[in-house]
Amino acid sequence: MINYIWFSLLAIGLFYAFITGNVDVVNAEILNSGSKSFSLILEMGPIVILWMGILKIAEKSGLLDAFARMLRPILCKLFPSVKKDSKALGYIASNVAANSLGLGSAATPFGLKAMEELQKDNEDKETASDAMITFLVLNTSGVTIIPTTVIALRMATGSANPSEIIITGLIATICSSVAGLLMDYYMRRKR
């Protein structure tokens, strides 16, 4: 489905450029965007690598496990169908920790492992369980304390104060998490 949406947007844009006589602008942007993308990767790469390294050190040192133990009481309330000693809760906590540091790429392996563990306990393998849906909501709308990727993007594009978004980002992600989890709870209760 998403392929159709992207294709439609691309086709509409190209058609509009053809109708308005701006095909040369499209060609110039296609050529320029490749070099801009490469420059962005070179500027962002070291920052993302640094934070992923810090996260790996935190994982190896047991800091993520400590954070997981700290989150376990909250996670047990959010995921009542998951056993308290389940590996899934540890993976979920690690995913939340990585997402809270704005490291979506580092959080992805933990999220995949969490879903894998949740699927093992799922009775209907063709349908997502309540715990899987709640985790998806939590992962998608998760609270971000330090949005490192966004800060790196802002730095790469020359922002005067790239970290000024921390407070507003924190407020926005808290609101989205609370709204998402309340809606998830409401929908579960409704069923």
N, C-alpha and C. Protein backbone atom coordinates (compact mmCIF):
# COMPACT_ATOMS: atom_id res chain seq x y z
N MET A 1 0.82 -1.20 0.00
CA MET A 1 0.00 0.00 0.00
C MET A 1 0.87 1.27 0.00
N ILE A 2 1.90 1.26 0.84
CA ILE A 2 2.75 2.45 0.93
C ILE A 2 3.48 2.70 -0.39
N ASN A 3 3.76 1.61 -1.13
CA ASN A 3 4.40 1.78 -2.44
C ASN A 3 3.51 2.57 -3.39
N TYR A 4 2.22 2.29 -3.34
CA TYR A 4 1.27 3.02 -4.19
C TYR A 4 1.21 4.49 -3.82
N ILE A 5 1.25 4.75 -2.52
CA ILE A 5 1.20 6.15 -2.05
C ILE A 5 2.44 6.89 -2.53
N TRP A 6 3.63 6.30 -2.34
CA TRP A 6 4.87 6.96 -2.78
C TRP A 6 4.88 7.15 -4.29
N PHE A 7 4.46 6.12 -5.02
CA PHE A 7 4.42 6.23 -6.48
C PHE A 7 3.47 7.34 -6.90
N SER A 8 2.30 7.42 -6.25
CA SER A 8 1.32 8.46 -6.59
C SER A 8 1.89 9.85 -6.33
N LEU A 9 2.54 10.04 -5.18
CA LEU A 9 3.12 11.34 -4.87
C LEU A 9 4.20 11.71 -5.87
N LEU A 10 5.02 10.75 -6.23
CA LEU A 10 6.07 11.00 -7.22
C LEU A 10 5.48 11.34 -8.58
N ALA A 11 4.47 10.57 -8.99
CA ALA A 11 3.83 10.81 -10.29
C ALA A 11 3.15 12.19 -10.32
N ILE A 12 2.48 12.55 -9.26
CA ILE A 12 1.81 13.86 -9.20
C ILE A 12 2.84 14.98 -9.27
N GLY A 13 3.94 14.82 -8.54
CA GLY A 13 4.99 15.84 -8.55
C GLY A 13 5.61 16.00 -9.93
N LEU A 14 5.91 14.88 -10.57
CA LEU A 14 6.49 14.95 -11.91
C LEU A 14 5.50 15.52 -12.93
N PHE A 15 4.24 15.14 -12.81
CA PHE A 15 3.21 15.66 -13.71
C PHE A 15 3.07 17.17 -13.52
N TYR A 16 3.05 17.61 -12.27
CA TYR A 16 2.94 19.05 -11.98
C TYR A 16 4.15 19.81 -12.53
N ALA A 17 5.35 19.23 -12.37
CA ALA A 17 6.56 19.88 -12.90
C ALA A 17 6.49 19.97 -14.42
N PHE A 18 5.97 18.95 -15.06
CA PHE A 18 5.84 18.96 -16.52
C PHE A 18 4.84 20.01 -16.98
N ILE A 19 3.70 20.08 -16.29
CA ILE A 19 2.65 21.03 -16.66
C ILE A 19 3.11 22.48 -16.46
N THR A 20 3.84 22.74 -15.38
CA THR A 20 4.28 24.11 -15.08
C THR A 20 5.60 24.47 -15.75
N GLY A 21 6.20 23.52 -16.46
CA GLY A 21 7.44 23.80 -17.16
C GLY A 21 8.67 23.83 -16.27
N ASN A 22 8.63 23.11 -15.17
CA ASN A 22 9.75 23.10 -14.21
C ASN A 22 10.50 21.77 -14.21
N VAL A 23 10.54 21.08 -15.33
CA VAL A 23 11.23 19.80 -15.40
C VAL A 23 12.73 19.97 -15.12
N ASP A 24 13.30 21.11 -15.56
CA ASP A 24 14.72 21.35 -15.31
C ASP A 24 15.01 21.49 -13.82
N VAL A 25 14.06 22.03 -13.06
CA VAL A 25 14.23 22.14 -11.61
C VAL A 25 14.24 20.74 -10.98
N VAL A 26 13.36 19.86 -11.47
CA VAL A 26 13.32 18.49 -10.96
C VAL A 26 14.64 17.79 -11.25
N ASN A 27 15.15 17.95 -12.47
CA ASN A 27 16.43 17.33 -12.83
C ASN A 27 17.57 17.85 -11.96
N ALA A 28 17.61 19.14 -11.73
CA ALA A 28 18.65 19.73 -10.89
C ALA A 28 18.56 19.21 -9.46
N GLU A 29 17.35 19.09 -8.94
CA GLU A 29 17.17 18.59 -7.57
C GLU A 29 17.57 17.13 -7.45
N ILE A 30 17.27 16.35 -8.47
CA ILE A 30 17.67 14.94 -8.44
C ILE A 30 19.19 14.83 -8.35
N LEU A 31 19.88 15.63 -9.14
CA LEU A 31 21.34 15.59 -9.12
C LEU A 31 21.92 16.14 -7.82
N ASN A 32 21.34 17.23 -7.31
CA ASN A 32 21.85 17.84 -6.08
C ASN A 32 21.52 17.02 -4.84
N SER A 33 20.38 16.34 -4.84
CA SER A 33 19.96 15.63 -3.63
C SER A 33 20.89 14.47 -3.30
N GLY A 34 21.49 13.86 -4.31
CA GLY A 34 22.44 12.78 -4.04
C GLY A 34 23.64 13.26 -3.24
N SER A 35 24.21 14.39 -3.65
CA SER A 35 25.38 14.91 -2.93
C SER A 35 24.98 15.45 -1.56
N LYS A 36 23.80 16.05 -1.47
CA LYS A 36 23.33 16.53 -0.16
C LYS A 36 23.12 15.36 0.79
N SER A 37 22.55 14.27 0.29
CA SER A 37 22.31 13.09 1.13
C SER A 37 23.62 12.50 1.63
N PHE A 38 24.60 12.43 0.74
CA PHE A 38 25.90 11.89 1.12
C PHE A 38 26.56 12.77 2.18
N SER A 39 26.46 14.08 2.01
CA SER A 39 27.03 15.02 3.00
C SER A 39 26.33 14.87 4.34
N LEU A 40 25.01 14.71 4.31
CA LEU A 40 24.25 14.54 5.55
C LEU A 40 24.67 13.27 6.27
N ILE A 41 24.87 12.20 5.53
CA ILE A 41 25.31 10.94 6.13
C ILE A 41 26.68 11.12 6.78
N LEU A 42 27.58 11.81 6.09
CA LEU A 42 28.92 12.03 6.64
C LEU A 42 28.89 12.90 7.89
N GLU A 43 27.97 13.85 7.95
CA GLU A 43 27.88 14.73 9.11
C GLU A 43 27.16 14.05 10.27
N MET A 44 26.10 13.28 9.96
CA MET A 44 25.32 12.64 11.01
C MET A 44 25.94 11.35 11.52
N GLY A 45 26.63 10.63 10.65
CA GLY A 45 27.17 9.33 11.00
C GLY A 45 27.95 9.29 12.30
N PRO A 46 28.94 10.16 12.47
CA PRO A 46 29.73 10.10 13.71
C PRO A 46 28.89 10.31 14.98
N ILE A 47 27.89 11.17 14.91
CA ILE A 47 27.06 11.44 16.09
C ILE A 47 26.24 10.21 16.44
N VAL A 48 25.62 9.61 15.43
CA VAL A 48 24.80 8.42 15.67
C VAL A 48 25.69 7.27 16.15
N ILE A 49 26.86 7.12 15.54
CA ILE A 49 27.79 6.07 15.95
C ILE A 49 28.24 6.27 17.39
N LEU A 50 28.50 7.51 17.79
CA LEU A 50 28.89 7.81 19.16
C LEU A 50 27.81 7.36 20.14
N TRP A 51 26.57 7.76 19.88
CA TRP A 51 25.48 7.41 20.80
C TRP A 51 25.19 5.92 20.80
N MET A 52 25.31 5.28 19.65
CA MET A 52 25.11 3.83 19.61
C MET A 52 26.22 3.13 20.40
N GLY A 53 27.45 3.66 20.33
CA GLY A 53 28.54 3.12 21.11
C GLY A 53 28.31 3.28 22.61
N ILE A 54 27.82 4.45 22.99
CA ILE A 54 27.50 4.69 24.40
C ILE A 54 26.41 3.74 24.86
N LEU A 55 25.42 3.53 24.01
CA LEU A 55 24.34 2.60 24.35
C LEU A 55 24.87 1.17 24.46
N LYS A 56 25.79 0.79 23.59
CA LYS A 56 26.38 -0.55 23.65
C LYS A 56 27.18 -0.72 24.94
N ILE A 57 27.91 0.33 25.34
CA ILE A 57 28.64 0.29 26.61
C ILE A 57 27.67 0.15 27.77
N ALA A 58 26.56 0.90 27.71
CA ALA A 58 25.54 0.81 28.76
C ALA A 58 24.95 -0.59 28.81
N GLU A 59 24.77 -1.20 27.64
CA GLU A 59 24.23 -2.56 27.59
C GLU A 59 25.22 -3.56 28.19
N LYS A 60 26.49 -3.48 27.78
CA LYS A 60 27.51 -4.41 28.28
C LYS A 60 27.79 -4.23 29.77
N SER A 61 27.70 -2.99 30.26
CA SER A 61 28.00 -2.72 31.67
C SER A 61 26.85 -3.09 32.59
N GLY A 62 25.71 -3.38 32.03
CA GLY A 62 24.55 -3.74 32.84
C GLY A 62 23.66 -2.56 33.17
N LEU A 63 23.98 -1.38 32.66
CA LEU A 63 23.18 -0.20 32.93
C LEU A 63 21.77 -0.34 32.34
N LEU A 64 21.68 -0.93 31.13
CA LEU A 64 20.36 -1.15 30.54
C LEU A 64 19.56 -2.15 31.35
N ASP A 65 20.23 -3.17 31.88
CA ASP A 65 19.53 -4.14 32.73
C ASP A 65 19.02 -3.47 34.00
N ALA A 66 19.82 -2.58 34.57
CA ALA A 66 19.39 -1.84 35.76
C ALA A 66 18.18 -0.96 35.42
N PHE A 67 18.25 -0.32 34.26
CA PHE A 67 17.13 0.51 33.81
C PHE A 67 15.90 -0.36 33.59
N ALA A 68 16.11 -1.56 33.05
CA ALA A 68 15.00 -2.50 32.82
C ALA A 68 14.37 -2.91 34.15
N ARG A 69 15.22 -3.17 35.15
CA ARG A 69 14.69 -3.54 36.47
C ARG A 69 13.90 -2.38 37.08
N MET A 70 14.39 -1.16 36.84
CA MET A 70 13.70 0.02 37.35
C MET A 70 12.33 0.19 36.65
N LEU A 71 12.29 -0.12 35.38
CA LEU A 71 11.04 0.02 34.61
C LEU A 71 10.09 -1.17 34.79
N ARG A 72 10.60 -2.28 35.28
CA ARG A 72 9.80 -3.51 35.36
C ARG A 72 8.45 -3.32 36.05
N PRO A 73 8.36 -2.61 37.20
CA PRO A 73 7.04 -2.44 37.83
C PRO A 73 6.05 -1.68 36.92
N ILE A 74 6.54 -0.68 36.22
CA ILE A 74 5.67 0.08 35.31
C ILE A 74 5.27 -0.80 34.13
N LEU A 75 6.24 -1.54 33.59
CA LEU A 75 5.95 -2.39 32.44
C LEU A 75 5.00 -3.52 32.80
N CYS A 76 5.10 -4.03 34.02
CA CYS A 76 4.18 -5.08 34.45
C CYS A 76 2.74 -4.58 34.48
N LYS A 77 2.56 -3.30 34.80
CA LYS A 77 1.22 -2.71 34.80
C LYS A 77 0.74 -2.47 33.36
N LEU A 78 1.65 -2.04 32.48
CA LEU A 78 1.28 -1.80 31.09
C LEU A 78 1.04 -3.09 30.32
N PHE A 79 1.73 -4.15 30.73
CA PHE A 79 1.63 -5.44 30.04
C PHE A 79 1.19 -6.52 31.02
N PRO A 80 -0.07 -6.49 31.46
CA PRO A 80 -0.50 -7.45 32.48
C PRO A 80 -0.51 -8.90 32.00
N SER A 81 -0.60 -9.13 30.70
CA SER A 81 -0.65 -10.50 30.18
C SER A 81 0.73 -11.12 30.05
N VAL A 82 1.79 -10.32 30.20
CA VAL A 82 3.16 -10.83 30.07
C VAL A 82 3.66 -11.26 31.44
N LYS A 83 4.27 -12.45 31.48
CA LYS A 83 4.80 -12.96 32.75
C LYS A 83 5.91 -12.04 33.25
N LYS A 84 6.00 -11.88 34.57
CA LYS A 84 6.97 -10.96 35.17
C LYS A 84 8.41 -11.35 34.91
N ASP A 85 8.67 -12.63 34.68
CA ASP A 85 10.05 -13.07 34.42
C ASP A 85 10.34 -13.25 32.93
N SER A 86 9.44 -12.76 32.08
CA SER A 86 9.60 -12.92 30.64
C SER A 86 10.76 -12.08 30.11
N LYS A 87 11.48 -12.64 29.13
CA LYS A 87 12.55 -11.89 28.48
C LYS A 87 11.99 -10.69 27.74
N ALA A 88 10.74 -10.78 27.34
CA ALA A 88 10.12 -9.69 26.57
C ALA A 88 10.16 -8.39 27.35
N LEU A 89 9.94 -8.44 28.65
CA LEU A 89 9.96 -7.20 29.45
C LEU A 89 11.35 -6.56 29.45
N GLY A 90 12.39 -7.38 29.48
CA GLY A 90 13.75 -6.84 29.40
C GLY A 90 14.02 -6.18 28.07
N TYR A 91 13.58 -6.83 26.99
CA TYR A 91 13.76 -6.25 25.66
C TYR A 91 12.93 -4.98 25.50
N ILE A 92 11.72 -4.99 26.04
CA ILE A 92 10.88 -3.79 25.97
C ILE A 92 11.55 -2.65 26.72
N ALA A 93 12.08 -2.94 27.91
CA ALA A 93 12.75 -1.90 28.70
C ALA A 93 13.97 -1.36 27.96
N SER A 94 14.73 -2.24 27.32
CA SER A 94 15.90 -1.80 26.55
C SER A 94 15.47 -0.95 25.36
N ASN A 95 14.37 -1.32 24.73
CA ASN A 95 13.84 -0.55 23.61
C ASN A 95 13.41 0.83 24.08
N VAL A 96 12.75 0.89 25.21
CA VAL A 96 12.30 2.17 25.77
C VAL A 96 13.52 3.04 26.11
N ALA A 97 14.56 2.42 26.68
CA ALA A 97 15.77 3.16 27.03
C ALA A 97 16.43 3.75 25.79
N ALA A 98 16.56 2.95 24.74
CA ALA A 98 17.17 3.45 23.50
C ALA A 98 16.32 4.53 22.86
N ASN A 99 15.01 4.33 22.84
CA ASN A 99 14.11 5.34 22.26
C ASN A 99 14.14 6.63 23.07
N SER A 100 14.29 6.52 24.38
CA SER A 100 14.31 7.73 25.21
C SER A 100 15.55 8.56 24.94
N LEU A 101 16.60 7.93 24.42
CA LEU A 101 17.80 8.65 24.02
C LEU A 101 17.76 9.07 22.56
N GLY A 102 16.62 8.83 21.91
CA GLY A 102 16.45 9.24 20.53
C GLY A 102 17.20 8.37 19.54
N LEU A 103 17.50 7.15 19.93
CA LEU A 103 18.27 6.25 19.07
C LEU A 103 17.38 5.16 18.50
N GLY A 104 16.51 5.55 17.59
CA GLY A 104 15.58 4.61 16.99
C GLY A 104 16.28 3.44 16.33
N SER A 105 17.41 3.69 15.67
CA SER A 105 18.13 2.61 15.00
C SER A 105 18.72 1.62 16.00
N ALA A 106 19.11 2.11 17.16
CA ALA A 106 19.64 1.22 18.20
C ALA A 106 18.50 0.50 18.92
N ALA A 107 17.32 1.10 18.93
CA ALA A 107 16.17 0.50 19.61
C ALA A 107 15.54 -0.61 18.79
N THR A 108 15.74 -0.57 17.48
CA THR A 108 15.08 -1.54 16.59
C THR A 108 15.39 -2.99 16.93
N PRO A 109 16.66 -3.38 17.15
CA PRO A 109 16.91 -4.79 17.49
C PRO A 109 16.21 -5.23 18.77
N PHE A 110 16.16 -4.34 19.77
CA PHE A 110 15.45 -4.67 21.01
C PHE A 110 13.96 -4.83 20.75
N GLY A 111 13.42 -3.96 19.91
CA GLY A 111 12.00 -4.04 19.57
C GLY A 111 11.65 -5.32 18.84
N LEU A 112 12.52 -5.72 17.91
CA LEU A 112 12.28 -6.96 17.17
C LEU A 112 12.34 -8.17 18.10
N LYS A 113 13.33 -8.15 19.01
CA LYS A 113 13.43 -9.26 19.98
C LYS A 113 12.22 -9.29 20.91
N ALA A 114 11.76 -8.11 21.32
CA ALA A 114 10.58 -8.05 22.20
C ALA A 114 9.37 -8.62 21.49
N MET A 115 9.17 -8.23 20.23
CA MET A 115 8.03 -8.77 19.47
C MET A 115 8.15 -10.27 19.28
N GLU A 116 9.37 -10.75 19.06
CA GLU A 116 9.61 -12.19 18.91
C GLU A 116 9.20 -12.93 20.19
N GLU A 117 9.60 -12.39 21.33
CA GLU A 117 9.25 -13.02 22.62
C GLU A 117 7.75 -12.94 22.88
N LEU A 118 7.15 -11.80 22.55
CA LEU A 118 5.70 -11.66 22.74
C LEU A 118 4.93 -12.61 21.82
N GLN A 119 5.45 -12.84 20.62
CA GLN A 119 4.79 -13.76 19.69
C GLN A 119 4.82 -15.19 20.21
N LYS A 120 5.88 -15.56 20.95
CA LYS A 120 5.96 -16.91 21.51
C LYS A 120 4.80 -17.18 22.47
N ASP A 121 4.38 -16.14 23.20
CA ASP A 121 3.29 -16.29 24.17
C ASP A 121 1.92 -16.04 23.55
N ASN A 122 1.89 -15.61 22.30
CA ASN A 122 0.64 -15.29 21.62
C ASN A 122 -0.09 -16.57 21.23
N GLU A 123 -1.33 -16.69 21.63
CA GLU A 123 -2.11 -17.89 21.31
C GLU A 123 -2.53 -17.91 19.84
N ASP A 124 -2.97 -16.78 19.31
CA ASP A 124 -3.38 -16.68 17.91
C ASP A 124 -2.23 -16.08 17.11
N LYS A 125 -1.47 -16.93 16.43
CA LYS A 125 -0.26 -16.49 15.72
C LYS A 125 -0.56 -15.59 14.53
N GLU A 126 -1.81 -15.54 14.09
CA GLU A 126 -2.18 -14.71 12.93
C GLU A 126 -2.61 -13.30 13.33
N THR A 127 -2.84 -13.08 14.62
CA THR A 127 -3.32 -11.78 15.11
C THR A 127 -2.41 -11.28 16.22
N ALA A 128 -2.17 -9.99 16.24
CA ALA A 128 -1.34 -9.40 17.30
C ALA A 128 -2.06 -9.49 18.64
N SER A 129 -1.32 -9.82 19.67
CA SER A 129 -1.89 -9.88 21.02
C SER A 129 -2.02 -8.47 21.59
N ASP A 130 -2.75 -8.36 22.69
CA ASP A 130 -2.88 -7.06 23.34
C ASP A 130 -1.51 -6.50 23.75
N ALA A 131 -0.64 -7.38 24.24
CA ALA A 131 0.70 -6.94 24.65
C ALA A 131 1.50 -6.42 23.45
N MET A 132 1.35 -7.07 22.32
CA MET A 132 2.06 -6.63 21.10
C MET A 132 1.56 -5.27 20.65
N ILE A 133 0.26 -5.07 20.72
CA ILE A 133 -0.32 -3.78 20.32
C ILE A 133 0.14 -2.68 21.27
N THR A 134 0.11 -2.97 22.56
CA THR A 134 0.56 -1.98 23.55
C THR A 134 2.03 -1.64 23.33
N PHE A 135 2.85 -2.65 23.05
CA PHE A 135 4.27 -2.38 22.79
C PHE A 135 4.44 -1.53 21.54
N LEU A 136 3.67 -1.81 20.51
CA LEU A 136 3.75 -1.02 19.29
C LEU A 136 3.39 0.44 19.56
N VAL A 137 2.35 0.65 20.36
CA VAL A 137 1.96 2.02 20.73
C VAL A 137 3.08 2.69 21.52
N LEU A 138 3.63 1.97 22.49
CA LEU A 138 4.71 2.52 23.33
C LEU A 138 5.96 2.81 22.50
N ASN A 139 6.27 1.92 21.58
CA ASN A 139 7.46 2.09 20.73
C ASN A 139 7.28 3.25 19.76
N THR A 140 6.09 3.38 19.20
CA THR A 140 5.84 4.42 18.21
C THR A 140 5.78 5.81 18.83
N SER A 141 5.17 5.90 19.99
CA SER A 141 4.97 7.22 20.61
C SER A 141 5.89 7.45 21.80
N GLY A 142 6.91 6.64 21.94
CA GLY A 142 7.75 6.64 23.14
C GLY A 142 8.32 8.00 23.54
N VAL A 143 8.46 8.16 24.83
CA VAL A 143 9.01 9.39 25.40
C VAL A 143 10.48 9.50 25.01
N THR A 144 10.84 10.64 24.44
CA THR A 144 12.23 10.88 24.03
C THR A 144 12.80 11.99 24.90
N ILE A 145 13.77 11.63 25.73
CA ILE A 145 14.40 12.60 26.62
C ILE A 145 15.43 13.43 25.84
N ILE A 146 16.27 12.74 25.09
CA ILE A 146 17.29 13.41 24.28
C ILE A 146 17.13 12.95 22.84
N PRO A 147 16.54 13.76 21.98
CA PRO A 147 16.34 13.35 20.58
C PRO A 147 17.63 13.48 19.77
N THR A 148 18.56 12.56 19.99
CA THR A 148 19.90 12.68 19.41
C THR A 148 19.89 12.71 17.88
N THR A 149 19.05 11.91 17.25
CA THR A 149 19.02 11.91 15.79
C THR A 149 18.53 13.24 15.25
N VAL A 150 17.51 13.81 15.86
CA VAL A 150 16.99 15.10 15.42
C VAL A 150 18.02 16.20 15.68
N ILE A 151 18.68 16.13 16.82
CA ILE A 151 19.73 17.11 17.12
C ILE A 151 20.85 17.00 16.08
N ALA A 152 21.22 15.77 15.73
CA ALA A 152 22.26 15.57 14.72
C ALA A 152 21.82 16.14 13.37
N LEU A 153 20.56 15.92 13.01
CA LEU A 153 20.04 16.49 11.76
C LEU A 153 20.08 18.00 11.79
N ARG A 154 19.68 18.58 12.91
CA ARG A 154 19.69 20.05 13.03
C ARG A 154 21.11 20.59 12.97
N MET A 155 22.06 19.87 13.59
CA MET A 155 23.46 20.29 13.52
C MET A 155 23.97 20.23 12.09
N ALA A 156 23.62 19.15 11.39
CA ALA A 156 24.09 18.96 10.02
C ALA A 156 23.54 20.00 9.07
N THR A 157 22.36 20.53 9.37
CA THR A 157 21.77 21.53 8.48
C THR A 157 22.06 22.95 8.94
N GLY A 158 22.92 23.11 9.94
CA GLY A 158 23.39 24.44 10.34
C GLY A 158 22.51 25.19 11.31
N SER A 159 21.76 24.50 12.13
CA SER A 159 20.91 25.17 13.12
C SER A 159 21.76 25.96 14.11
N ALA A 160 21.29 27.13 14.49
CA ALA A 160 22.02 27.97 15.45
C ALA A 160 22.02 27.33 16.84
N ASN A 161 20.93 26.68 17.22
CA ASN A 161 20.83 26.04 18.52
C ASN A 161 20.13 24.69 18.34
N PRO A 162 20.86 23.67 17.94
CA PRO A 162 20.23 22.39 17.61
C PRO A 162 19.55 21.69 18.78
N SER A 163 19.97 21.98 20.00
CA SER A 163 19.39 21.28 21.15
C SER A 163 18.22 22.01 21.79
N GLU A 164 17.76 23.09 21.18
CA GLU A 164 16.64 23.83 21.77
C GLU A 164 15.32 23.07 21.71
N ILE A 165 15.27 21.98 20.99
CA ILE A 165 14.04 21.21 20.85
C ILE A 165 13.85 20.17 21.96
N ILE A 166 14.81 20.06 22.86
CA ILE A 166 14.74 19.01 23.87
C ILE A 166 13.48 19.13 24.73
N ILE A 167 13.19 20.30 25.27
CA ILE A 167 12.03 20.47 26.16
C ILE A 167 10.72 20.27 25.39
N THR A 168 10.60 20.92 24.23
CA THR A 168 9.36 20.77 23.46
C THR A 168 9.19 19.33 22.97
N GLY A 169 10.30 18.69 22.59
CA GLY A 169 10.23 17.29 22.17
C GLY A 169 9.81 16.39 23.32
N LEU A 170 10.33 16.65 24.51
CA LEU A 170 9.96 15.87 25.68
C LEU A 170 8.47 16.02 25.98
N ILE A 171 7.99 17.25 25.95
CA ILE A 171 6.56 17.49 26.21
C ILE A 171 5.70 16.80 25.15
N ALA A 172 6.10 16.94 23.88
CA ALA A 172 5.32 16.33 22.79
C ALA A 172 5.29 14.81 22.90
N THR A 173 6.44 14.19 23.22
CA THR A 173 6.47 12.73 23.29
C THR A 173 5.76 12.21 24.54
N ILE A 174 5.80 12.97 25.63
CA ILE A 174 5.02 12.56 26.81
C ILE A 174 3.54 12.60 26.48
N CYS A 175 3.10 13.67 25.84
CA CYS A 175 1.68 13.79 25.47
C CYS A 175 1.27 12.68 24.51
N SER A 176 2.11 12.40 23.51
CA SER A 176 1.75 11.35 22.54
C SER A 176 1.74 9.98 23.20
N SER A 177 2.66 9.73 24.12
CA SER A 177 2.69 8.44 24.81
C SER A 177 1.47 8.26 25.70
N VAL A 178 1.15 9.28 26.46
CA VAL A 178 -0.02 9.20 27.34
C VAL A 178 -1.29 9.02 26.52
N ALA A 179 -1.44 9.80 25.45
CA ALA A 179 -2.63 9.68 24.60
C ALA A 179 -2.71 8.30 23.96
N GLY A 180 -1.59 7.81 23.44
CA GLY A 180 -1.58 6.50 22.81
C GLY A 180 -1.89 5.37 23.78
N LEU A 181 -1.29 5.42 24.96
CA LEU A 181 -1.53 4.37 25.95
C LEU A 181 -2.94 4.43 26.51
N LEU A 182 -3.49 5.64 26.69
CA LEU A 182 -4.88 5.75 27.13
C LEU A 182 -5.85 5.19 26.08
N MET A 183 -5.58 5.49 24.82
CA MET A 183 -6.43 4.96 23.75
C MET A 183 -6.30 3.44 23.67
N ASP A 184 -5.10 2.93 23.83
CA ASP A 184 -4.89 1.48 23.84
C ASP A 184 -5.67 0.84 24.99
N TYR A 185 -5.58 1.43 26.16
CA TYR A 185 -6.30 0.91 27.33
C TYR A 185 -7.81 0.95 27.10
N TYR A 186 -8.28 2.07 26.55
CA TYR A 186 -9.71 2.22 26.27
C TYR A 186 -10.18 1.17 25.28
N MET A 187 -9.43 0.95 24.22
CA MET A 187 -9.83 -0.03 23.19
C MET A 187 -9.81 -1.46 23.75
N ARG A 188 -8.85 -1.74 24.63
CA ARG A 188 -8.81 -3.07 25.24
C ARG A 188 -9.99 -3.28 26.15
N ARG A 189 -10.33 -2.26 26.92
CA ARG A 189 -11.48 -2.35 27.83
C ARG A 189 -12.79 -2.46 27.07
N LYS A 190 -12.85 -1.80 25.93
CA LYS A 190 -14.06 -1.81 25.11
C LYS A 190 -14.33 -3.21 24.57
N ARG A 191 -13.23 -3.93 24.22
CA ARG A 191 -13.39 -5.29 23.72
C ARG A 191 -13.71 -6.19 24.88
